[in-house]
Amino acid sequence: DHTRGLLALHKAFPELPIYASSVTSKLLPLNW
């Protein structure tokens, strides 16, 4: 409920910087 649209947003604007903690960066792919 905090990340659902991140991947689509990244694909639409690949140059848009997205930041998160180190652990969150490792866990994010579990949403897809």
PDB file of all heavy atoms in Angstrom:
ATOM      1  N   ASP A   1       0.816  -1.211   0.000  1.00  0.00           N
ATOM      2  CA  ASP A   1       0.000   0.000   0.000  1.00  0.00           C
ATOM      3  C   ASP A   1       0.854   1.267   0.000  1.00  0.00           C
ATOM      4  O   ASP A   1       0.321   2.371  -0.087  1.00  0.00           O
ATOM      5  CB  ASP A   1      -0.971   0.007   1.188  1.00  0.00           C
ATOM      6  CG  ASP A   1      -0.278  -0.091   2.534  1.00  0.00           C
ATOM      7  OD1 ASP A   1       0.737  -0.802   2.621  1.00  0.00           O
ATOM      8  OD2 ASP A   1      -0.744   0.533   3.499  1.00  0.00           O
ATOM      9  N   HIS A   2       2.165   1.105   0.063  1.00  0.00           N
ATOM     10  CA  HIS A   2       3.079   2.248  -0.032  1.00  0.00           C
ATOM     11  C   HIS A   2       3.956   2.179  -1.286  1.00  0.00           C
ATOM     12  O   HIS A   2       4.666   3.141  -1.592  1.00  0.00           O
ATOM     13  CB  HIS A   2       3.992   2.305   1.200  1.00  0.00           C
ATOM     14  CG  HIS A   2       3.258   2.601   2.471  1.00  0.00           C
ATOM     15  ND1 HIS A   2       3.279   3.839   3.088  1.00  0.00           N
ATOM     16  CD2 HIS A   2       2.456   1.822   3.239  1.00  0.00           C
ATOM     17  CE1 HIS A   2       2.540   3.800   4.180  1.00  0.00           C
ATOM     18  NE2 HIS A   2       2.030   2.585   4.297  1.00  0.00           N
ATOM     19  N   THR A   3       3.922   1.054  -1.997  1.00  0.00           N
ATOM     20  CA  THR A   3       4.875   0.838  -3.090  1.00  0.00           C
ATOM     21  C   THR A   3       4.238   0.388  -4.402  1.00  0.00           C
ATOM     22  O   THR A   3       4.925   0.302  -5.421  1.00  0.00           O
ATOM     23  CB  THR A   3       5.889  -0.247  -2.694  1.00  0.00           C
ATOM     24  OG1 THR A   3       5.196  -1.492  -2.491  1.00  0.00           O
ATOM     25  CG2 THR A   3       6.610   0.117  -1.414  1.00  0.00           C
ATOM     26  N   ARG A   4       2.949   0.117  -4.407  1.00  0.00           N
ATOM     27  CA  ARG A   4       2.294  -0.558  -5.520  1.00  0.00           C
ATOM     28  C   ARG A   4       2.590   0.090  -6.872  1.00  0.00           C
ATOM     29  O   ARG A   4       2.754  -0.581  -7.881  1.00  0.00           O
ATOM     30  CB  ARG A   4       0.786  -0.582  -5.265  1.00  0.00           C
ATOM     31  CG  ARG A   4       0.015  -1.602  -6.008  1.00  0.00           C
ATOM     32  CD  ARG A   4      -1.317  -1.869  -5.317  1.00  0.00           C
ATOM     33  NE  ARG A   4      -1.737  -0.798  -4.446  1.00  0.00           N
ATOM     34  CZ  ARG A   4      -2.428  -0.966  -3.317  1.00  0.00           C
ATOM     35  NH1 ARG A   4      -2.779  -2.165  -2.946  1.00  0.00           N
ATOM     36  NH2 ARG A   4      -2.783   0.064  -2.574  1.00  0.00           N
ATOM     37  N   GLY A   5       2.665   1.413  -6.916  1.00  0.00           N
ATOM     38  CA  GLY A   5       2.842   2.098  -8.194  1.00  0.00           C
ATOM     39  C   GLY A   5       4.283   2.426  -8.549  1.00  0.00           C
ATOM     40  O   GLY A   5       4.536   3.030  -9.598  1.00  0.00           O
ATOM     41  N   LEU A   6       5.248   2.043  -7.706  1.00  0.00           N
ATOM     42  CA  LEU A   6       6.635   2.465  -7.933  1.00  0.00           C
ATOM     43  C   LEU A   6       7.214   1.927  -9.229  1.00  0.00           C
ATOM     44  O   LEU A   6       7.894   2.656  -9.964  1.00  0.00           O
ATOM     45  CB  LEU A   6       7.517   2.024  -6.760  1.00  0.00           C
ATOM     46  CG  LEU A   6       7.545   2.912  -5.520  1.00  0.00           C
ATOM     47  CD1 LEU A   6       8.499   2.327  -4.485  1.00  0.00           C
ATOM     48  CD2 LEU A   6       7.962   4.333  -5.875  1.00  0.00           C
ATOM     49  N   LEU A   7       6.980   0.658  -9.521  1.00  0.00           N
ATOM     50  CA  LEU A   7       7.579   0.063 -10.708  1.00  0.00           C
ATOM     51  C   LEU A   7       7.028   0.712 -11.976  1.00  0.00           C
ATOM     52  O   LEU A   7       7.795   1.039 -12.900  1.00  0.00           O
ATOM     53  CB  LEU A   7       7.331  -1.444 -10.726  1.00  0.00           C
ATOM     54  CG  LEU A   7       7.998  -2.226 -11.863  1.00  0.00           C
ATOM     55  CD1 LEU A   7       9.502  -2.014 -11.853  1.00  0.00           C
ATOM     56  CD2 LEU A   7       7.665  -3.713 -11.763  1.00  0.00           C
ATOM     57  N   ALA A   8       5.717   0.920 -12.037  1.00  0.00           N
ATOM     58  CA  ALA A   8       5.119   1.577 -13.203  1.00  0.00           C
ATOM     59  C   ALA A   8       5.612   3.016 -13.327  1.00  0.00           C
ATOM     60  O   ALA A   8       5.860   3.509 -14.443  1.00  0.00           O
ATOM     61  CB  ALA A   8       3.598   1.540 -13.103  1.00  0.00           C
ATOM     62  N   LEU A   9       5.777   3.697 -12.195  1.00  0.00           N
ATOM     63  CA  LEU A   9       6.291   5.070 -12.223  1.00  0.00           C
ATOM     64  C   LEU A   9       7.723   5.093 -12.742  1.00  0.00           C
ATOM     65  O   LEU A   9       8.106   5.963 -13.534  1.00  0.00           O
ATOM     66  CB  LEU A   9       6.216   5.674 -10.817  1.00  0.00           C
ATOM     67  CG  LEU A   9       6.611   7.140 -10.681  1.00  0.00           C
ATOM     68  CD1 LEU A   9       5.654   8.036 -11.456  1.00  0.00           C
ATOM     69  CD2 LEU A   9       6.650   7.557  -9.211  1.00  0.00           C
ATOM     70  N   HIS A  10       8.533   4.110 -12.325  1.00  0.00           N
ATOM     71  CA  HIS A  10       9.917   4.026 -12.788  1.00  0.00           C
ATOM     72  C   HIS A  10       9.974   3.751 -14.295  1.00  0.00           C
ATOM     73  O   HIS A  10      10.816   4.331 -15.010  1.00  0.00           O
ATOM     74  CB  HIS A  10      10.651   2.920 -12.031  1.00  0.00           C
ATOM     75  CG  HIS A  10      12.039   2.667 -12.506  1.00  0.00           C
ATOM     76  ND1 HIS A  10      13.088   3.538 -12.263  1.00  0.00           N
ATOM     77  CD2 HIS A  10      12.560   1.631 -13.233  1.00  0.00           C
ATOM     78  CE1 HIS A  10      14.188   3.054 -12.812  1.00  0.00           C
ATOM     79  NE2 HIS A  10      13.892   1.897 -13.404  1.00  0.00           N
ATOM     80  N   LYS A  11       9.097   2.899 -14.781  1.00  0.00           N
ATOM     81  CA  LYS A  11       9.082   2.610 -16.213  1.00  0.00           C
ATOM     82  C   LYS A  11       8.648   3.824 -17.023  1.00  0.00           C
ATOM     83  O   LYS A  11       9.141   4.047 -18.142  1.00  0.00           O
ATOM     84  CB  LYS A  11       8.158   1.425 -16.494  1.00  0.00           C
ATOM     85  CG  LYS A  11       8.696   0.095 -15.965  1.00  0.00           C
ATOM     86  CD  LYS A  11       7.734  -1.050 -16.247  1.00  0.00           C
ATOM     87  CE  LYS A  11       8.317  -2.383 -15.774  1.00  0.00           C
ATOM     88  NZ  LYS A  11       7.380  -3.516 -16.004  1.00  0.00           N
ATOM     89  N   ALA A  12       7.732   4.620 -16.474  1.00  0.00           N
ATOM     90  CA  ALA A  12       7.271   5.818 -17.182  1.00  0.00           C
ATOM     91  C   ALA A  12       8.322   6.928 -17.167  1.00  0.00           C
ATOM     92  O   ALA A  12       8.491   7.651 -18.159  1.00  0.00           O
ATOM     93  CB  ALA A  12       5.965   6.313 -16.561  1.00  0.00           C
ATOM     94  N   PHE A  13       9.052   7.043 -16.053  1.00  0.00           N
ATOM     95  CA  PHE A  13      10.067   8.103 -15.912  1.00  0.00           C
ATOM     96  C   PHE A  13      11.333   7.490 -15.324  1.00  0.00           C
ATOM     97  O   PHE A  13      11.616   7.648 -14.138  1.00  0.00           O
ATOM     98  CB  PHE A  13       9.551   9.226 -15.009  1.00  0.00           C
ATOM     99  CG  PHE A  13       8.243   9.815 -15.450  1.00  0.00           C
ATOM    100  CD1 PHE A  13       7.063   9.516 -14.775  1.00  0.00           C
ATOM    101  CD2 PHE A  13       8.188  10.666 -16.543  1.00  0.00           C
ATOM    102  CE1 PHE A  13       5.863  10.053 -15.180  1.00  0.00           C
ATOM    103  CE2 PHE A  13       6.975  11.219 -16.953  1.00  0.00           C
ATOM    104  CZ  PHE A  13       5.812  10.909 -16.275  1.00  0.00           C
ATOM    105  N   PRO A  14      12.117   6.763 -16.133  1.00  0.00           N
ATOM    106  CA  PRO A  14      13.287   6.037 -15.606  1.00  0.00           C
ATOM    107  C   PRO A  14      14.353   6.938 -15.002  1.00  0.00           C
ATOM    108  O   PRO A  14      15.185   6.460 -14.224  1.00  0.00           O
ATOM    109  CB  PRO A  14      13.815   5.283 -16.838  1.00  0.00           C
ATOM    110  CG  PRO A  14      13.209   5.959 -18.015  1.00  0.00           C
ATOM    111  CD  PRO A  14      11.912   6.521 -17.575  1.00  0.00           C
ATOM    112  N   GLU A  15      14.346   8.215 -15.330  1.00  0.00           N
ATOM    113  CA  GLU A  15      15.349   9.128 -14.778  1.00  0.00           C
ATOM    114  C   GLU A  15      14.930   9.735 -13.445  1.00  0.00           C
ATOM    115  O   GLU A  15      15.717  10.434 -12.798  1.00  0.00           O
ATOM    116  CB  GLU A  15      15.640  10.268 -15.774  1.00  0.00           C
ATOM    117  CG  GLU A  15      16.142   9.797 -17.136  1.00  0.00           C
ATOM    118  CD  GLU A  15      17.393   8.944 -17.012  1.00  0.00           C
ATOM    119  OE1 GLU A  15      18.288   9.322 -16.216  1.00  0.00           O
ATOM    120  OE2 GLU A  15      17.479   7.905 -17.696  1.00  0.00           O
ATOM    121  N   LEU A  16      13.687   9.482 -13.025  1.00  0.00           N
ATOM    122  CA  LEU A  16      13.191  10.028 -11.760  1.00  0.00           C
ATOM    123  C   LEU A  16      13.841   9.274 -10.601  1.00  0.00           C
ATOM    124  O   LEU A  16      13.648   8.066 -10.462  1.00  0.00           O
ATOM    125  CB  LEU A  16      11.669   9.891 -11.697  1.00  0.00           C
ATOM    126  CG  LEU A  16      10.985  10.307 -10.392  1.00  0.00           C
ATOM    127  CD1 LEU A  16      11.235  11.774 -10.078  1.00  0.00           C
ATOM    128  CD2 LEU A  16       9.479  10.030 -10.467  1.00  0.00           C
ATOM    129  N   PRO A  17      14.613   9.950  -9.738  1.00  0.00           N
ATOM    130  CA  PRO A  17      15.298   9.245  -8.641  1.00  0.00           C
ATOM    131  C   PRO A  17      14.308   8.738  -7.584  1.00  0.00           C
ATOM    132  O   PRO A  17      13.423   9.472  -7.144  1.00  0.00           O
ATOM    133  CB  PRO A  17      16.222  10.314  -8.042  1.00  0.00           C
ATOM    134  CG  PRO A  17      16.230  11.441  -9.013  1.00  0.00           C
ATOM    135  CD  PRO A  17      14.940  11.379  -9.754  1.00  0.00           C
ATOM    136  N   ILE A  18      14.473   7.468  -7.202  1.00  0.00           N
ATOM    137  CA  ILE A  18      13.671   6.868  -6.142  1.00  0.00           C
ATOM    138  C   ILE A  18      14.623   6.403  -5.050  1.00  0.00           C
ATOM    139  O   ILE A  18      15.585   5.684  -5.328  1.00  0.00           O
ATOM    140  CB  ILE A  18      12.855   5.662  -6.662  1.00  0.00           C
ATOM    141  CG1 ILE A  18      11.897   6.114  -7.779  1.00  0.00           C
ATOM    142  CG2 ILE A  18      12.067   5.012  -5.530  1.00  0.00           C
ATOM    143  CD1 ILE A  18      11.146   4.970  -8.442  1.00  0.00           C
ATOM    144  N   TYR A  19      14.357   6.823  -3.809  1.00  0.00           N
ATOM    145  CA  TYR A  19      15.231   6.501  -2.686  1.00  0.00           C
ATOM    146  C   TYR A  19      14.465   5.702  -1.632  1.00  0.00           C
ATOM    147  O   TYR A  19      13.258   5.875  -1.447  1.00  0.00           O
ATOM    148  CB  TYR A  19      15.778   7.772  -2.031  1.00  0.00           C
ATOM    149  CG  TYR A  19      16.700   8.585  -2.904  1.00  0.00           C
ATOM    150  CD1 TYR A  19      16.229   9.709  -3.587  1.00  0.00           C
ATOM    151  CD2 TYR A  19      18.039   8.245  -3.039  1.00  0.00           C
ATOM    152  CE1 TYR A  19      17.065  10.460  -4.383  1.00  0.00           C
ATOM    153  CE2 TYR A  19      18.892   8.999  -3.835  1.00  0.00           C
ATOM    154  CZ  TYR A  19      18.400  10.099  -4.507  1.00  0.00           C
ATOM    155  OH  TYR A  19      19.232  10.830  -5.300  1.00  0.00           O
ATOM    156  N   ALA A  20      15.192   4.842  -0.929  1.00  0.00           N
ATOM    157  CA  ALA A  20      14.644   4.092   0.209  1.00  0.00           C
ATOM    158  C   ALA A  20      15.818   3.597   1.034  1.00  0.00           C
ATOM    159  O   ALA A  20      16.986   3.712   0.625  1.00  0.00           O
ATOM    160  CB  ALA A  20      13.778   2.931  -0.259  1.00  0.00           C
ATOM    161  N   SER A  21      15.529   3.035   2.199  1.00  0.00           N
ATOM    162  CA  SER A  21      16.595   2.456   3.013  1.00  0.00           C
ATOM    163  C   SER A  21      17.180   1.229   2.304  1.00  0.00           C
ATOM    164  O   SER A  21      16.575   0.666   1.384  1.00  0.00           O
ATOM    165  CB  SER A  21      16.062   2.051   4.387  1.00  0.00           C
ATOM    166  OG  SER A  21      15.197   0.932   4.272  1.00  0.00           O
ATOM    167  N   SER A  22      18.357   0.805   2.745  1.00  0.00           N
ATOM    168  CA  SER A  22      19.016  -0.341   2.119  1.00  0.00           C
ATOM    169  C   SER A  22      18.149  -1.592   2.174  1.00  0.00           C
ATOM    170  O   SER A  22      18.022  -2.330   1.192  1.00  0.00           O
ATOM    171  CB  SER A  22      20.362  -0.613   2.805  1.00  0.00           C
ATOM    172  OG  SER A  22      21.235   0.486   2.662  1.00  0.00           O
ATOM    173  N   VAL A  23      17.533  -1.851   3.342  1.00  0.00           N
ATOM    174  CA  VAL A  23      16.709  -3.048   3.487  1.00  0.00           C
ATOM    175  C   VAL A  23      15.456  -2.952   2.626  1.00  0.00           C
ATOM    176  O   VAL A  23      15.066  -3.924   1.956  1.00  0.00           O
ATOM    177  CB  VAL A  23      16.342  -3.278   4.966  1.00  0.00           C
ATOM    178  CG1 VAL A  23      15.339  -4.410   5.105  1.00  0.00           C
ATOM    179  CG2 VAL A  23      17.597  -3.583   5.768  1.00  0.00           C
ATOM    180  N   THR A  24      14.812  -1.796   2.603  1.00  0.00           N
ATOM    181  CA  THR A  24      13.626  -1.628   1.766  1.00  0.00           C
ATOM    182  C   THR A  24      13.961  -1.865   0.299  1.00  0.00           C
ATOM    183  O   THR A  24      13.188  -2.496  -0.438  1.00  0.00           O
ATOM    184  CB  THR A  24      13.019  -0.228   1.965  1.00  0.00           C
ATOM    185  OG1 THR A  24      12.540  -0.112   3.312  1.00  0.00           O
ATOM    186  CG2 THR A  24      11.857   0.011   1.020  1.00  0.00           C
ATOM    187  N   SER A  25      15.125  -1.400  -0.141  1.00  0.00           N
ATOM    188  CA  SER A  25      15.538  -1.623  -1.529  1.00  0.00           C
ATOM    189  C   SER A  25      15.608  -3.110  -1.848  1.00  0.00           C
ATOM    190  O   SER A  25      15.283  -3.540  -2.957  1.00  0.00           O
ATOM    191  CB  SER A  25      16.903  -0.970  -1.784  1.00  0.00           C
ATOM    192  OG  SER A  25      16.837   0.427  -1.569  1.00  0.00           O
ATOM    193  N   LYS A  26      16.008  -3.914  -0.870  1.00  0.00           N
ATOM    194  CA  LYS A  26      16.120  -5.366  -1.082  1.00  0.00           C
ATOM    195  C   LYS A  26      14.768  -6.062  -1.017  1.00  0.00           C
ATOM    196  O   LYS A  26      14.576  -7.115  -1.636  1.00  0.00           O
ATOM    197  CB  LYS A  26      17.066  -5.962  -0.031  1.00  0.00           C
ATOM    198  CG  LYS A  26      18.503  -5.431  -0.101  1.00  0.00           C
ATOM    199  CD  LYS A  26      19.353  -6.015   1.020  1.00  0.00           C
ATOM    200  CE  LYS A  26      20.745  -5.380   1.062  1.00  0.00           C
ATOM    201  NZ  LYS A  26      21.511  -5.675  -0.165  1.00  0.00           N
ATOM    202  N   LEU A  27      13.828  -5.495  -0.276  1.00  0.00           N
ATOM    203  CA  LEU A  27      12.518  -6.119  -0.119  1.00  0.00           C
ATOM    204  C   LEU A  27      11.512  -5.706  -1.197  1.00  0.00           C
ATOM    205  O   LEU A  27      10.533  -6.418  -1.442  1.00  0.00           O
ATOM    206  CB  LEU A  27      11.929  -5.782   1.257  1.00  0.00           C
ATOM    207  CG  LEU A  27      12.691  -6.287   2.486  1.00  0.00           C
ATOM    208  CD1 LEU A  27      11.986  -5.825   3.763  1.00  0.00           C
ATOM    209  CD2 LEU A  27      12.819  -7.806   2.470  1.00  0.00           C
ATOM    210  N   LEU A  28      11.739  -4.588  -1.852  1.00  0.00           N
ATOM    211  CA  LEU A  28      10.771  -4.061  -2.820  1.00  0.00           C
ATOM    212  C   LEU A  28      10.362  -5.063  -3.898  1.00  0.00           C
ATOM    213  O   LEU A  28       9.176  -5.151  -4.248  1.00  0.00           O
ATOM    214  CB  LEU A  28      11.317  -2.786  -3.474  1.00  0.00           C
ATOM    215  CG  LEU A  28      11.133  -1.483  -2.700  1.00  0.00           C
ATOM    216  CD1 LEU A  28      11.786  -0.330  -3.449  1.00  0.00           C
ATOM    217  CD2 LEU A  28       9.657  -1.197  -2.481  1.00  0.00           C
ATOM    218  N   PRO A  29      11.293  -5.839  -4.489  1.00  0.00           N
ATOM    219  CA  PRO A  29      10.888  -6.749  -5.572  1.00  0.00           C
ATOM    220  C   PRO A  29       9.822  -7.766  -5.173  1.00  0.00           C
ATOM    221  O   PRO A  29       9.178  -8.346  -6.053  1.00  0.00           O
ATOM    222  CB  PRO A  29      12.212  -7.445  -5.947  1.00  0.00           C
ATOM    223  CG  PRO A  29      13.279  -6.458  -5.571  1.00  0.00           C
ATOM    224  CD  PRO A  29      12.763  -5.817  -4.317  1.00  0.00           C
ATOM    225  N   LEU A  30       9.608  -7.996  -3.876  1.00  0.00           N
ATOM    226  CA  LEU A  30       8.578  -8.943  -3.444  1.00  0.00           C
ATOM    227  C   LEU A  30       7.176  -8.496  -3.847  1.00  0.00           C
ATOM    228  O   LEU A  30       6.243  -9.300  -3.850  1.00  0.00           O
ATOM    229  CB  LEU A  30       8.649  -9.136  -1.928  1.00  0.00           C
ATOM    230  CG  LEU A  30       9.889  -9.869  -1.413  1.00  0.00           C
ATOM    231  CD1 LEU A  30       9.997  -9.733   0.097  1.00  0.00           C
ATOM    232  CD2 LEU A  30       9.856 -11.341  -1.811  1.00  0.00           C
ATOM    233  N   ASN A  31       7.023  -7.218  -4.177  1.00  0.00           N
ATOM    234  CA  ASN A  31       5.720  -6.728  -4.607  1.00  0.00           C
ATOM    235  C   ASN A  31       5.402  -7.085  -6.055  1.00  0.00           C
ATOM    236  O   ASN A  31       4.261  -6.899  -6.495  1.00  0.00           O
ATOM    237  CB  ASN A  31       5.655  -5.205  -4.422  1.00  0.00           C
ATOM    238  CG  ASN A  31       5.624  -4.803  -2.970  1.00  0.00           C
ATOM    239  OD1 ASN A  31       4.628  -5.006  -2.279  1.00  0.00           O
ATOM    240  ND2 ASN A  31       6.716  -4.232  -2.480  1.00  0.00           N
ATOM    241  N   TRP A  32       6.388  -7.588  -6.781  1.00  0.00           N
ATOM    242  CA  TRP A  32       6.181  -7.947  -8.191  1.00  0.00           C
ATOM    243  C   TRP A  32       6.886  -9.275  -8.461  1.00  0.00           C
ATOM    244  O   TRP A  32       7.839  -9.358  -9.239  1.00  0.00           O
ATOM    245  CB  TRP A  32       6.736  -6.851  -9.099  1.00  0.00           C
ATOM    246  CG  TRP A  32       6.213  -5.496  -8.748  1.00  0.00           C
ATOM    247  CD1 TRP A  32       5.002  -4.969  -9.075  1.00  0.00           C
ATOM    248  CD2 TRP A  32       6.879  -4.476  -7.970  1.00  0.00           C
ATOM    249  NE1 TRP A  32       4.869  -3.703  -8.562  1.00  0.00           N
ATOM    250  CE2 TRP A  32       6.003  -3.369  -7.883  1.00  0.00           C
ATOM    251  CE3 TRP A  32       8.135  -4.397  -7.354  1.00  0.00           C
ATOM    252  CZ2 TRP A  32       6.344  -2.206  -7.197  1.00  0.00           C
ATOM    253  CZ3 TRP A  32       8.465  -3.238  -6.672  1.00  0.00           C
ATOM    254  CH2 TRP A  32       7.580  -2.164  -6.600  1.00  0.00           C
TER     255      TRP A  32
END
